[in-house]
Amino acid sequence: MTAPSRPKKGAPRSARHLTIADICDDLGITRSTFYDWRAKRKGPPSRKLPNGEIRIERRDYETWLDSLYEEAA
């Protein structure tokens, strides 16, 4: 599986952040799996916005993915 592409410098702020749907699509998991990982602190670092939505910074997601490869080695 390939990680989402990195945003270009000067890209809109929203391009730096991923939604739960973005993460689930990329990993091929359900929302419930994402929330389960989040509750167990096994998923990528995320932020809860004042409106209750959750966002994951692209760089945090990529760092988290890289850490999984290192653990599997």
PDB file of N, CA and C in Angstrom:
ATOM      1  N   MET A   1       0.836  -1.165   0.000  1.00  0.00           N
ATOM      2  CA  MET A   1       0.000   0.000   0.000  1.00  0.00           C
ATOM      3  C   MET A   1       0.885   1.232   0.000  1.00  0.00           C
ATOM      4  N   THR A   2       0.483   2.241  -0.718  1.00  0.00           N
ATOM      5  CA  THR A   2       1.272   3.457  -0.747  1.00  0.00           C
ATOM      6  C   THR A   2       0.611   4.513   0.115  1.00  0.00           C
ATOM      7  N   ALA A   3       1.450   5.329   0.760  1.00  0.00           N
ATOM      8  CA  ALA A   3       0.939   6.417   1.585  1.00  0.00           C
ATOM      9  C   ALA A   3       0.464   7.546   0.684  1.00  0.00           C
ATOM     10  N   PRO A   4      -0.457   8.365   1.183  1.00  0.00           N
ATOM     11  CA  PRO A   4      -0.890   9.500   0.380  1.00  0.00           C
ATOM     12  C   PRO A   4       0.304  10.391   0.059  1.00  0.00           C
ATOM     13  N   SER A   5       0.261  11.039  -1.095  1.00  0.00           N
ATOM     14  CA  SER A   5       1.378  11.882  -1.493  1.00  0.00           C
ATOM     15  C   SER A   5       1.493  13.089  -0.575  1.00  0.00           C
ATOM     16  N   ARG A   6       2.712  13.580  -0.450  1.00  0.00           N
ATOM     17  CA  ARG A   6       2.954  14.739   0.406  1.00  0.00           C
ATOM     18  C   ARG A   6       2.467  16.010  -0.284  1.00  0.00           C
ATOM     19  N   PRO A   7       1.958  16.962   0.513  1.00  0.00           N
ATOM     20  CA  PRO A   7       1.515  18.204  -0.105  1.00  0.00           C
ATOM     21  C   PRO A   7       2.701  19.038  -0.550  1.00  0.00           C
ATOM     22  N   LYS A   8       2.504  19.825  -1.576  1.00  0.00           N
ATOM     23  CA  LYS A   8       3.550  20.706  -2.058  1.00  0.00           C
ATOM     24  C   LYS A   8       3.665  21.895  -1.124  1.00  0.00           C
ATOM     25  N   LYS A   9       4.874  22.512  -1.083  1.00  0.00           N
ATOM     26  CA  LYS A   9       5.033  23.713  -0.278  1.00  0.00           C
ATOM     27  C   LYS A   9       4.038  24.749  -0.764  1.00  0.00           C
ATOM     28  N   GLY A  10       3.453  25.451   0.186  1.00  0.00           N
ATOM     29  CA  GLY A  10       2.469  26.450  -0.169  1.00  0.00           C
ATOM     30  C   GLY A  10       1.091  25.865  -0.439  1.00  0.00           C
ATOM     31  N   ALA A  11       0.937  24.558  -0.212  1.00  0.00           N
ATOM     32  CA  ALA A  11      -0.364  23.914  -0.421  1.00  0.00           C
ATOM     33  C   ALA A  11      -1.343  24.427   0.627  1.00  0.00           C
ATOM     34  N   PRO A  12      -2.622  24.413   0.317  1.00  0.00           N
ATOM     35  CA  PRO A  12      -3.601  24.853   1.313  1.00  0.00           C
ATOM     36  C   PRO A  12      -3.461  24.048   2.596  1.00  0.00           C
ATOM     37  N   ARG A  13      -3.746  24.674   3.704  1.00  0.00           N
ATOM     38  CA  ARG A  13      -3.602  24.033   5.014  1.00  0.00           C
ATOM     39  C   ARG A  13      -4.341  22.699   5.068  1.00  0.00           C
ATOM     40  N   SER A  14      -5.509  22.613   4.444  1.00  0.00           N
ATOM     41  CA  SER A  14      -6.292  21.380   4.497  1.00  0.00           C
ATOM     42  C   SER A  14      -5.557  20.210   3.843  1.00  0.00           C
ATOM     43  N   ALA A  15      -4.646  20.491   2.908  1.00  0.00           N
ATOM     44  CA  ALA A  15      -3.889  19.419   2.261  1.00  0.00           C
ATOM     45  C   ALA A  15      -2.901  18.782   3.233  1.00  0.00           C
ATOM     46  N   ARG A  16      -2.594  19.479   4.316  1.00  0.00           N
ATOM     47  CA  ARG A  16      -1.668  18.936   5.311  1.00  0.00           C
ATOM     48  C   ARG A  16      -2.381  18.040   6.311  1.00  0.00           C
ATOM     49  N   HIS A  17      -3.698  18.044   6.285  1.00  0.00           N
ATOM     50  CA  HIS A  17      -4.469  17.281   7.257  1.00  0.00           C
ATOM     51  C   HIS A  17      -5.340  16.254   6.560  1.00  0.00           C
ATOM     52  N   LEU A  18      -5.451  15.108   7.189  1.00  0.00           N
ATOM     53  CA  LEU A  18      -6.259  14.015   6.657  1.00  0.00           C
ATOM     54  C   LEU A  18      -7.479  13.810   7.542  1.00  0.00           C
ATOM     55  N   THR A  19      -8.534  13.339   6.931  1.00  0.00           N
ATOM     56  CA  THR A  19      -9.741  13.000   7.683  1.00  0.00           C
ATOM     57  C   THR A  19      -9.698  11.511   8.032  1.00  0.00           C
ATOM     58  N   ILE A  20     -10.609  11.099   8.873  1.00  0.00           N
ATOM     59  CA  ILE A  20     -10.714   9.678   9.200  1.00  0.00           C
ATOM     60  C   ILE A  20     -11.008   8.884   7.932  1.00  0.00           C
ATOM     61  N   ALA A  21     -11.859   9.430   7.068  1.00  0.00           N
ATOM     62  CA  ALA A  21     -12.175   8.741   5.811  1.00  0.00           C
ATOM     63  C   ALA A  21     -10.921   8.562   4.958  1.00  0.00           C
ATOM     64  N   ASP A  22     -10.051   9.583   4.916  1.00  0.00           N
ATOM     65  CA  ASP A  22      -8.793   9.475   4.162  1.00  0.00           C
ATOM     66  C   ASP A  22      -7.942   8.323   4.690  1.00  0.00           C
ATOM     67  N   ILE A  23      -7.811   8.251   5.998  1.00  0.00           N
ATOM     68  CA  ILE A  23      -6.989   7.207   6.630  1.00  0.00           C
ATOM     69  C   ILE A  23      -7.596   5.824   6.361  1.00  0.00           C
ATOM     70  N   CYS A  24      -8.895   5.705   6.568  1.00  0.00           N
ATOM     71  CA  CYS A  24      -9.569   4.410   6.361  1.00  0.00           C
ATOM     72  C   CYS A  24      -9.448   3.944   4.917  1.00  0.00           C
ATOM     73  N   ASP A  25      -9.617   4.871   3.969  1.00  0.00           N
ATOM     74  CA  ASP A  25      -9.460   4.513   2.551  1.00  0.00           C
ATOM     75  C   ASP A  25      -8.046   4.037   2.259  1.00  0.00           C
ATOM     76  N   ASP A  26      -7.060   4.762   2.767  1.00  0.00           N
ATOM     77  CA  ASP A  26      -5.669   4.424   2.482  1.00  0.00           C
ATOM     78  C   ASP A  26      -5.280   3.071   3.073  1.00  0.00           C
ATOM     79  N   LEU A  27      -5.760   2.782   4.277  1.00  0.00           N
ATOM     80  CA  LEU A  27      -5.385   1.538   4.948  1.00  0.00           C
ATOM     81  C   LEU A  27      -6.346   0.380   4.668  1.00  0.00           C
ATOM     82  N   GLY A  28      -7.497   0.694   4.098  1.00  0.00           N
ATOM     83  CA  GLY A  28      -8.479  -0.357   3.841  1.00  0.00           C
ATOM     84  C   GLY A  28      -9.110  -0.885   5.122  1.00  0.00           C
ATOM     85  N   ILE A  29      -9.392   0.029   6.059  1.00  0.00           N
ATOM     86  CA  ILE A  29      -9.996  -0.349   7.337  1.00  0.00           C
ATOM     87  C   ILE A  29     -11.340   0.364   7.493  1.00  0.00           C
ATOM     88  N   THR A  30     -12.117  -0.093   8.457  1.00  0.00           N
ATOM     89  CA  THR A  30     -13.394   0.554   8.749  1.00  0.00           C
ATOM     90  C   THR A  30     -13.183   1.673   9.760  1.00  0.00           C
ATOM     91  N   ARG A  31     -14.182   2.552   9.846  1.00  0.00           N
ATOM     92  CA  ARG A  31     -14.124   3.638  10.833  1.00  0.00           C
ATOM     93  C   ARG A  31     -14.048   3.058  12.245  1.00  0.00           C
ATOM     94  N   SER A  32     -14.758   1.962  12.489  1.00  0.00           N
ATOM     95  CA  SER A  32     -14.747   1.376  13.831  1.00  0.00           C
ATOM     96  C   SER A  32     -13.351   0.869  14.190  1.00  0.00           C
ATOM     97  N   THR A  33     -12.625   0.347  13.207  1.00  0.00           N
ATOM     98  CA  THR A  33     -11.243  -0.083  13.463  1.00  0.00           C
ATOM     99  C   THR A  33     -10.384   1.122  13.803  1.00  0.00           C
ATOM    100  N   PHE A  34     -10.546   2.206  13.053  1.00  0.00           N
ATOM    101  CA  PHE A  34      -9.787   3.416  13.354  1.00  0.00           C
ATOM    102  C   PHE A  34     -10.058   3.877  14.783  1.00  0.00           C
ATOM    103  N   TYR A  35     -11.338   3.937  15.171  1.00  0.00           N
ATOM    104  CA  TYR A  35     -11.682   4.393  16.514  1.00  0.00           C
ATOM    105  C   TYR A  35     -11.175   3.430  17.586  1.00  0.00           C
ATOM    106  N   ASP A  36     -11.175   2.141  17.283  1.00  0.00           N
ATOM    107  CA  ASP A  36     -10.628   1.158  18.219  1.00  0.00           C
ATOM    108  C   ASP A  36      -9.136   1.398  18.422  1.00  0.00           C
ATOM    109  N   TRP A  37      -8.391   1.568  17.324  1.00  0.00           N
ATOM    110  CA  TRP A  37      -6.955   1.859  17.418  1.00  0.00           C
ATOM    111  C   TRP A  37      -6.720   3.156  18.188  1.00  0.00           C
ATOM    112  N   ARG A  38      -7.550   4.166  17.908  1.00  0.00           N
ATOM    113  CA  ARG A  38      -7.394   5.464  18.570  1.00  0.00           C
ATOM    114  C   ARG A  38      -7.608   5.321  20.079  1.00  0.00           C
ATOM    115  N   ALA A  39      -8.624   4.584  20.482  1.00  0.00           N
ATOM    116  CA  ALA A  39      -8.908   4.379  21.906  1.00  0.00           C
ATOM    117  C   ALA A  39      -7.767   3.648  22.602  1.00  0.00           C
ATOM    118  N   LYS A  40      -7.125   2.736  21.880  1.00  0.00           N
ATOM    119  CA  LYS A  40      -6.013   1.969  22.444  1.00  0.00           C
ATOM    120  C   LYS A  40      -4.662   2.659  22.246  1.00  0.00           C
ATOM    121  N   ARG A  41      -4.699   3.862  21.651  1.00  0.00           N
ATOM    122  CA  ARG A  41      -3.483   4.632  21.346  1.00  0.00           C
ATOM    123  C   ARG A  41      -2.527   3.843  20.452  1.00  0.00           C
ATOM    124  N   LYS A  42      -3.098   3.090  19.514  1.00  0.00           N
ATOM    125  CA  LYS A  42      -2.318   2.299  18.557  1.00  0.00           C
ATOM    126  C   LYS A  42      -2.312   2.944  17.170  1.00  0.00           C
ATOM    127  N   GLY A  43      -3.157   3.926  16.954  1.00  0.00           N
ATOM    128  CA  GLY A  43      -3.267   4.573  15.655  1.00  0.00           C
ATOM    129  C   GLY A  43      -2.402   5.811  15.560  1.00  0.00           C
ATOM    130  N   PRO A  44      -2.498   6.499  14.440  1.00  0.00           N
ATOM    131  CA  PRO A  44      -1.719   7.726  14.266  1.00  0.00           C
ATOM    132  C   PRO A  44      -2.217   8.815  15.204  1.00  0.00           C
ATOM    133  N   PRO A  45      -1.313   9.723  15.610  1.00  0.00           N
ATOM    134  CA  PRO A  45      -1.740  10.837  16.462  1.00  0.00           C
ATOM    135  C   PRO A  45      -2.814  11.649  15.750  1.00  0.00           C
ATOM    136  N   SER A  46      -3.823  12.051  16.496  1.00  0.00           N
ATOM    137  CA  SER A  46      -4.914  12.808  15.893  1.00  0.00           C
ATOM    138  C   SER A  46      -5.290  13.971  16.801  1.00  0.00           C
ATOM    139  N   ARG A  47      -6.008  14.913  16.205  1.00  0.00           N
ATOM    140  CA  ARG A  47      -6.474  16.085  16.941  1.00  0.00           C
ATOM    141  C   ARG A  47      -7.977  16.200  16.783  1.00  0.00           C
ATOM    142  N   LYS A  48      -8.637  16.535  17.872  1.00  0.00           N
ATOM    143  CA  LYS A  48     -10.078  16.761  17.826  1.00  0.00           C
ATOM    144  C   LYS A  48     -10.299  18.263  17.707  1.00  0.00           C
ATOM    145  N   LEU A  49     -10.988  18.665  16.667  1.00  0.00           N
ATOM    146  CA  LEU A  49     -11.272  20.078  16.427  1.00  0.00           C
ATOM    147  C   LEU A  49     -12.425  20.535  17.315  1.00  0.00           C
ATOM    148  N   PRO A  50     -12.569  21.860  17.497  1.00  0.00           N
ATOM    149  CA  PRO A  50     -13.675  22.361  18.325  1.00  0.00           C
ATOM    150  C   PRO A  50     -15.054  21.896  17.858  1.00  0.00           C
ATOM    151  N   ASN A  51     -15.198  21.609  16.562  1.00  0.00           N
ATOM    152  CA  ASN A  51     -16.494  21.136  16.066  1.00  0.00           C
ATOM    153  C   ASN A  51     -16.675  19.625  16.249  1.00  0.00           C
ATOM    154  N   GLY A  52     -15.691  18.962  16.873  1.00  0.00           N
ATOM    155  CA  GLY A  52     -15.781  17.537  17.156  1.00  0.00           C
ATOM    156  C   GLY A  52     -15.173  16.644  16.093  1.00  0.00           C
ATOM    157  N   GLU A  53     -14.821  17.213  14.934  1.00  0.00           N
ATOM    158  CA  GLU A  53     -14.200  16.407  13.883  1.00  0.00           C
ATOM    159  C   GLU A  53     -12.747  16.109  14.240  1.00  0.00           C
ATOM    160  N   ILE A  54     -12.236  15.018  13.688  1.00  0.00           N
ATOM    161  CA  ILE A  54     -10.866  14.591  13.964  1.00  0.00           C
ATOM    162  C   ILE A  54     -10.034  14.764  12.711  1.00  0.00           C
ATOM    163  N   ARG A  55      -8.821  15.263  12.891  1.00  0.00           N
ATOM    164  CA  ARG A  55      -7.881  15.420  11.783  1.00  0.00           C
ATOM    165  C   ARG A  55      -6.538  14.830  12.180  1.00  0.00           C
ATOM    166  N   ILE A  56      -5.844  14.312  11.180  1.00  0.00           N
ATOM    167  CA  ILE A  56      -4.515  13.738  11.374  1.00  0.00           C
ATOM    168  C   ILE A  56      -3.568  14.485  10.453  1.00  0.00           C
ATOM    169  N   GLU A  57      -2.483  15.011  11.017  1.00  0.00           N
ATOM    170  CA  GLU A  57      -1.512  15.688  10.168  1.00  0.00           C
ATOM    171  C   GLU A  57      -0.833  14.653   9.291  1.00  0.00           C
ATOM    172  N   ARG A  58      -0.685  14.986   8.021  1.00  0.00           N
ATOM    173  CA  ARG A  58      -0.093  14.068   7.057  1.00  0.00           C
ATOM    174  C   ARG A  58       1.284  13.593   7.518  1.00  0.00           C
ATOM    175  N   ARG A  59       2.101  14.501   8.036  1.00  0.00           N
ATOM    176  CA  ARG A  59       3.450  14.102   8.471  1.00  0.00           C
ATOM    177  C   ARG A  59       3.381  13.136   9.651  1.00  0.00           C
ATOM    178  N   ASP A  60       2.425  13.338  10.571  1.00  0.00           N
ATOM    179  CA  ASP A  60       2.256  12.417  11.698  1.00  0.00           C
ATOM    180  C   ASP A  60       1.816  11.042  11.203  1.00  0.00           C
ATOM    181  N   TYR A  61       0.941  11.029  10.208  1.00  0.00           N
ATOM    182  CA  TYR A  61       0.465   9.765   9.626  1.00  0.00           C
ATOM    183  C   TYR A  61       1.628   9.020   8.977  1.00  0.00           C
ATOM    184  N   GLU A  62       2.433   9.720   8.208  1.00  0.00           N
ATOM    185  CA  GLU A  62       3.564   9.081   7.533  1.00  0.00           C
ATOM    186  C   GLU A  62       4.606   8.587   8.530  1.00  0.00           C
ATOM    187  N   THR A  63       4.846   9.356   9.591  1.00  0.00           N
ATOM    188  CA  THR A  63       5.777   8.927  10.639  1.00  0.00           C
ATOM    189  C   THR A  63       5.242   7.680  11.332  1.00  0.00           C
ATOM    190  N   TRP A  64       3.945   7.659  11.608  1.00  0.00           N
ATOM    191  CA  TRP A  64       3.323   6.500  12.243  1.00  0.00           C
ATOM    192  C   TRP A  64       3.453   5.267  11.352  1.00  0.00           C
ATOM    193  N   LEU A  65       3.182   5.429  10.049  1.00  0.00           N
ATOM    194  CA  LEU A  65       3.329   4.304   9.117  1.00  0.00           C
ATOM    195  C   LEU A  65       4.764   3.795   9.097  1.00  0.00           C
ATOM    196  N   ASP A  66       5.729   4.711   9.049  1.00  0.00           N
ATOM    197  CA  ASP A  66       7.141   4.317   9.060  1.00  0.00           C
ATOM    198  C   ASP A  66       7.490   3.545  10.329  1.00  0.00           C
ATOM    199  N   SER A  67       6.909   3.936  11.456  1.00  0.00           N
ATOM    200  CA  SER A  67       7.208   3.244  12.716  1.00  0.00           C
ATOM    201  C   SER A  67       6.700   1.808  12.686  1.00  0.00           C
ATOM    202  N   LEU A  68       5.649   1.547  11.949  1.00  0.00           N
ATOM    203  CA  LEU A  68       5.126   0.187  11.842  1.00  0.00           C
ATOM    204  C   LEU A  68       6.085  -0.700  11.064  1.00  0.00           C
ATOM    205  N   TYR A  69       6.703  -0.155  10.037  1.00  0.00           N
ATOM    206  CA  TYR A  69       7.690  -0.921   9.266  1.00  0.00           C
ATOM    207  C   TYR A  69       8.890  -1.279  10.139  1.00  0.00           C
ATOM    208  N   GLU A  70       9.310  -0.348  10.966  1.00  0.00           N
ATOM    209  CA  GLU A  70      10.459  -0.593  11.829  1.00  0.00           C
ATOM    210  C   GLU A  70      10.149  -1.690  12.853  1.00  0.00           C
ATOM    211  N   GLU A  71       8.932  -1.684  13.413  1.00  0.00           N
ATOM    212  CA  GLU A  71       8.554  -2.702  14.379  1.00  0.00           C
ATOM    213  C   GLU A  71       8.460  -4.068  13.739  1.00  0.00           C
ATOM    214  N   ALA A  72       8.067  -4.133  12.487  1.00  0.00           N
ATOM    215  CA  ALA A  72       7.895  -5.407  11.807  1.00  0.00           C
ATOM    216  C   ALA A  72       9.224  -6.007  11.360  1.00  0.00           C
ATOM    217  N   ALA A  73      10.249  -5.183  11.310  1.00  0.00           N
ATOM    218  CA  ALA A  73      11.546  -5.671  10.812  1.00  0.00           C
ATOM    219  C   ALA A  73      12.225  -6.596  11.794  1.00  0.00           C
TER     220      ALA A  73
END
